[in-house]
């Protein structure tokens, strides 16, 4: 499954974001659309990632919007993924 190869980047971004001053997991539950504590914890640990599709999607969309807000360019991996999978991942 493709998710297994791309989720570490989103997990790393999420961990970095949670390490910022004033940011905590309770805030992230709300920002990610009410993701349950257990799902976010599983996703961050890398265990049973196949059950965390909703968490991955919510986190990906959050960081994509954040990238646009900060006027950053897409990463090389992001451009590559869009080129190889123009309709997105399943």
N, C-alpha and C. Protein backbone atom coordinates (compact mmCIF):
# COMPACT_ATOMS: atom_id res chain seq x y z
N UNK A 1 0.85 -1.18 0.00
CA UNK A 1 0.00 0.00 0.00
C UNK A 1 0.89 1.25 0.00
N UNK A 2 0.53 2.23 -0.75
CA UNK A 2 1.32 3.44 -0.93
C UNK A 2 1.45 4.21 0.38
N UNK A 3 0.43 4.19 1.21
CA UNK A 3 0.44 4.94 2.45
C UNK A 3 1.68 4.62 3.29
N UNK A 4 2.11 3.36 3.29
CA UNK A 4 3.26 2.97 4.10
C UNK A 4 4.54 3.67 3.67
N UNK A 5 4.65 4.05 2.42
CA UNK A 5 5.88 4.68 1.96
C UNK A 5 5.89 6.19 2.14
N UNK A 6 4.74 6.81 2.30
CA UNK A 6 4.70 8.27 2.41
C UNK A 6 4.31 8.78 3.79
N UNK A 7 3.77 7.94 4.64
CA UNK A 7 3.33 8.44 5.93
C UNK A 7 4.46 8.93 6.83
N UNK A 8 5.70 8.39 6.76
CA UNK A 8 6.75 8.90 7.66
C UNK A 8 7.02 10.40 7.53
N UNK A 9 6.87 10.94 6.34
CA UNK A 9 7.08 12.38 6.15
C UNK A 9 6.02 13.18 6.91
N UNK A 10 4.78 12.73 6.86
CA UNK A 10 3.71 13.43 7.56
C UNK A 10 3.86 13.27 9.06
N UNK A 11 4.25 12.07 9.51
CA UNK A 11 4.50 11.85 10.93
C UNK A 11 5.60 12.78 11.43
N UNK A 12 6.68 12.90 10.67
CA UNK A 12 7.79 13.77 11.07
C UNK A 12 7.34 15.22 11.16
N UNK A 13 6.55 15.67 10.18
CA UNK A 13 6.05 17.04 10.22
C UNK A 13 5.15 17.26 11.43
N UNK A 14 4.32 16.27 11.72
CA UNK A 14 3.40 16.38 12.85
C UNK A 14 4.17 16.43 14.17
N UNK A 15 5.19 15.60 14.30
CA UNK A 15 6.00 15.62 15.53
C UNK A 15 6.73 16.94 15.68
N UNK A 16 7.27 17.47 14.58
CA UNK A 16 7.94 18.77 14.63
C UNK A 16 6.97 19.88 15.03
N UNK A 17 5.76 19.82 14.48
CA UNK A 17 4.76 20.84 14.78
C UNK A 17 4.35 20.76 16.25
N UNK A 18 4.20 19.55 16.77
CA UNK A 18 3.82 19.37 18.17
C UNK A 18 4.93 19.83 19.12
N UNK A 19 6.16 19.89 18.63
CA UNK A 19 7.29 20.32 19.46
C UNK A 19 7.36 21.84 19.59
N UNK A 20 6.55 22.56 18.84
CA UNK A 20 6.56 24.02 18.91
C UNK A 20 5.99 24.48 20.26
N UNK A 21 6.45 25.63 20.71
CA UNK A 21 5.92 26.20 21.95
C UNK A 21 4.44 26.50 21.80
N UNK A 22 3.67 26.12 22.81
CA UNK A 22 2.25 26.42 22.83
C UNK A 22 1.37 25.47 22.05
N UNK A 23 1.93 24.45 21.44
CA UNK A 23 1.15 23.48 20.66
C UNK A 23 1.11 22.17 21.44
N UNK A 24 -0.09 21.58 21.53
CA UNK A 24 -0.20 20.29 22.19
C UNK A 24 -1.15 19.37 21.42
N UNK A 25 -1.20 18.12 21.85
CA UNK A 25 -2.01 17.14 21.11
C UNK A 25 -3.49 17.47 21.17
N UNK A 26 -3.96 18.02 22.27
CA UNK A 26 -5.38 18.37 22.37
C UNK A 26 -5.78 19.37 21.28
N UNK A 27 -4.88 20.32 20.99
CA UNK A 27 -5.15 21.27 19.91
C UNK A 27 -5.20 20.56 18.57
N UNK A 28 -4.28 19.61 18.39
CA UNK A 28 -4.21 18.90 17.12
C UNK A 28 -5.45 18.06 16.87
N UNK A 29 -6.05 17.50 17.93
CA UNK A 29 -7.30 16.73 17.76
C UNK A 29 -8.35 17.61 17.09
N UNK A 30 -8.48 18.83 17.60
CA UNK A 30 -9.48 19.75 17.06
C UNK A 30 -9.12 20.20 15.65
N UNK A 31 -7.86 20.57 15.45
CA UNK A 31 -7.41 21.06 14.14
C UNK A 31 -7.57 19.99 13.07
N UNK A 32 -7.34 18.75 13.44
CA UNK A 32 -7.44 17.65 12.47
C UNK A 32 -8.86 17.12 12.34
N UNK A 33 -9.82 17.85 12.83
CA UNK A 33 -11.21 17.47 12.62
C UNK A 33 -11.74 16.47 13.61
N UNK A 34 -11.28 16.52 14.84
CA UNK A 34 -11.79 15.63 15.86
C UNK A 34 -11.19 14.23 15.82
N UNK A 35 -9.98 14.11 15.35
CA UNK A 35 -9.30 12.82 15.34
C UNK A 35 -9.20 12.34 16.78
N UNK A 36 -9.53 11.07 17.01
CA UNK A 36 -9.46 10.53 18.36
C UNK A 36 -8.02 10.41 18.84
N UNK A 37 -7.85 10.58 20.14
CA UNK A 37 -6.54 10.49 20.79
C UNK A 37 -5.82 9.20 20.41
N UNK A 38 -6.54 8.08 20.42
CA UNK A 38 -5.93 6.79 20.13
C UNK A 38 -5.38 6.73 18.71
N UNK A 39 -6.11 7.27 17.77
CA UNK A 39 -5.69 7.25 16.37
C UNK A 39 -4.46 8.13 16.15
N UNK A 40 -4.44 9.30 16.77
CA UNK A 40 -3.29 10.17 16.64
C UNK A 40 -2.05 9.54 17.27
N UNK A 41 -2.23 8.92 18.43
CA UNK A 41 -1.12 8.25 19.10
C UNK A 41 -0.59 7.10 18.26
N UNK A 42 -1.49 6.29 17.69
CA UNK A 42 -1.08 5.19 16.81
C UNK A 42 -0.33 5.71 15.60
N UNK A 43 -0.84 6.77 15.01
CA UNK A 43 -0.22 7.34 13.83
C UNK A 43 1.18 7.85 14.14
N UNK A 44 1.32 8.55 15.26
CA UNK A 44 2.63 9.09 15.64
C UNK A 44 3.63 7.99 16.00
N UNK A 45 3.12 6.85 16.49
CA UNK A 45 4.02 5.75 16.86
C UNK A 45 4.41 4.89 15.66
N UNK A 46 3.64 4.98 14.58
CA UNK A 46 3.92 4.17 13.40
C UNK A 46 3.34 2.78 13.48
N UNK A 47 2.56 2.49 14.52
CA UNK A 47 1.94 1.18 14.68
C UNK A 47 0.55 1.17 14.04
N UNK A 48 0.22 0.07 13.39
CA UNK A 48 -1.11 -0.10 12.77
C UNK A 48 -1.51 1.10 11.92
N UNK A 49 -0.58 1.55 11.11
CA UNK A 49 -0.83 2.74 10.28
C UNK A 49 -1.97 2.49 9.30
N UNK A 50 -2.19 1.23 8.93
CA UNK A 50 -3.26 0.94 7.98
C UNK A 50 -4.64 1.29 8.55
N UNK A 51 -4.74 1.52 9.86
CA UNK A 51 -6.02 1.92 10.45
C UNK A 51 -6.10 3.43 10.64
N UNK A 52 -5.09 4.15 10.18
CA UNK A 52 -5.01 5.59 10.45
C UNK A 52 -5.18 6.43 9.18
N UNK A 53 -5.90 5.94 8.21
CA UNK A 53 -6.07 6.67 6.95
C UNK A 53 -6.69 8.03 7.13
N UNK A 54 -7.69 8.13 8.01
CA UNK A 54 -8.36 9.41 8.25
C UNK A 54 -7.39 10.40 8.90
N UNK A 55 -6.56 9.90 9.82
CA UNK A 55 -5.57 10.75 10.49
C UNK A 55 -4.54 11.25 9.49
N UNK A 56 -4.07 10.34 8.63
CA UNK A 56 -3.09 10.73 7.61
C UNK A 56 -3.67 11.82 6.71
N UNK A 57 -4.87 11.60 6.22
CA UNK A 57 -5.48 12.55 5.29
C UNK A 57 -5.67 13.92 5.95
N UNK A 58 -6.16 13.92 7.18
CA UNK A 58 -6.37 15.19 7.89
C UNK A 58 -5.06 15.92 8.12
N UNK A 59 -4.02 15.18 8.52
CA UNK A 59 -2.71 15.80 8.76
C UNK A 59 -2.10 16.31 7.46
N UNK A 60 -2.22 15.51 6.40
CA UNK A 60 -1.69 15.93 5.10
C UNK A 60 -2.35 17.24 4.65
N UNK A 61 -3.67 17.30 4.73
CA UNK A 61 -4.39 18.50 4.31
C UNK A 61 -4.01 19.70 5.18
N UNK A 62 -3.86 19.48 6.48
CA UNK A 62 -3.44 20.56 7.37
C UNK A 62 -2.09 21.12 6.95
N UNK A 63 -1.13 20.24 6.71
CA UNK A 63 0.21 20.73 6.35
C UNK A 63 0.26 21.31 4.94
N UNK A 64 -0.59 20.84 4.06
CA UNK A 64 -0.65 21.45 2.73
C UNK A 64 -1.19 22.88 2.83
N UNK A 65 -2.23 23.07 3.62
CA UNK A 65 -2.78 24.42 3.83
C UNK A 65 -1.76 25.31 4.54
N UNK A 66 -1.05 24.74 5.49
CA UNK A 66 -0.02 25.49 6.22
C UNK A 66 1.10 25.91 5.28
N UNK A 67 1.48 25.02 4.36
CA UNK A 67 2.52 25.33 3.36
C UNK A 67 2.08 26.50 2.50
N UNK A 68 0.85 26.48 2.06
CA UNK A 68 0.31 27.56 1.22
C UNK A 68 0.25 28.86 2.01
N UNK A 69 -0.20 28.80 3.26
CA UNK A 69 -0.28 29.98 4.11
C UNK A 69 1.09 30.62 4.29
N UNK A 70 2.12 29.81 4.44
CA UNK A 70 3.47 30.34 4.64
C UNK A 70 4.19 30.61 3.31
N UNK A 71 3.48 30.43 2.21
CA UNK A 71 3.99 30.71 0.87
C UNK A 71 5.28 29.94 0.57
N UNK A 72 5.29 28.67 0.93
CA UNK A 72 6.44 27.80 0.65
C UNK A 72 6.19 27.01 -0.62
N UNK A 73 7.27 26.65 -1.31
CA UNK A 73 7.16 25.80 -2.49
C UNK A 73 6.91 24.36 -2.08
N UNK A 74 6.36 23.59 -3.02
CA UNK A 74 6.17 22.17 -2.76
C UNK A 74 7.52 21.48 -2.70
N UNK A 75 7.58 20.43 -1.89
CA UNK A 75 8.82 19.68 -1.79
C UNK A 75 9.03 18.85 -3.06
N UNK A 76 10.24 18.37 -3.24
CA UNK A 76 10.53 17.51 -4.39
C UNK A 76 9.64 16.27 -4.35
N UNK A 77 9.47 15.70 -3.16
CA UNK A 77 8.61 14.51 -3.02
C UNK A 77 7.17 14.83 -3.38
N UNK A 78 6.70 16.02 -2.99
CA UNK A 78 5.33 16.41 -3.31
C UNK A 78 5.12 16.54 -4.81
N UNK A 79 6.05 17.16 -5.49
CA UNK A 79 5.97 17.31 -6.95
C UNK A 79 6.03 15.93 -7.62
N UNK A 80 6.92 15.08 -7.12
CA UNK A 80 7.06 13.72 -7.68
C UNK A 80 5.76 12.94 -7.50
N UNK A 81 5.17 13.01 -6.31
CA UNK A 81 3.92 12.28 -6.05
C UNK A 81 2.80 12.77 -6.96
N UNK A 82 2.70 14.07 -7.17
CA UNK A 82 1.66 14.61 -8.04
C UNK A 82 1.88 14.21 -9.49
N UNK A 83 3.13 14.10 -9.90
CA UNK A 83 3.44 13.69 -11.26
C UNK A 83 3.10 12.22 -11.48
N UNK A 84 3.49 11.39 -10.51
CA UNK A 84 3.28 9.95 -10.63
C UNK A 84 1.84 9.53 -10.35
N UNK A 85 1.13 10.31 -9.54
CA UNK A 85 -0.25 9.97 -9.16
C UNK A 85 -1.15 11.20 -9.31
N UNK A 86 -1.43 11.61 -10.55
CA UNK A 86 -2.19 12.86 -10.74
C UNK A 86 -3.59 12.84 -10.12
N UNK A 87 -4.15 11.67 -9.90
CA UNK A 87 -5.48 11.58 -9.28
C UNK A 87 -5.39 11.37 -7.77
N UNK A 88 -4.18 11.37 -7.24
CA UNK A 88 -3.99 11.16 -5.80
C UNK A 88 -3.86 9.68 -5.46
N UNK A 89 -3.69 9.43 -4.19
CA UNK A 89 -3.56 8.06 -3.69
C UNK A 89 -4.92 7.52 -3.29
N UNK A 90 -5.06 6.22 -3.31
CA UNK A 90 -6.32 5.63 -2.86
C UNK A 90 -6.28 5.33 -1.39
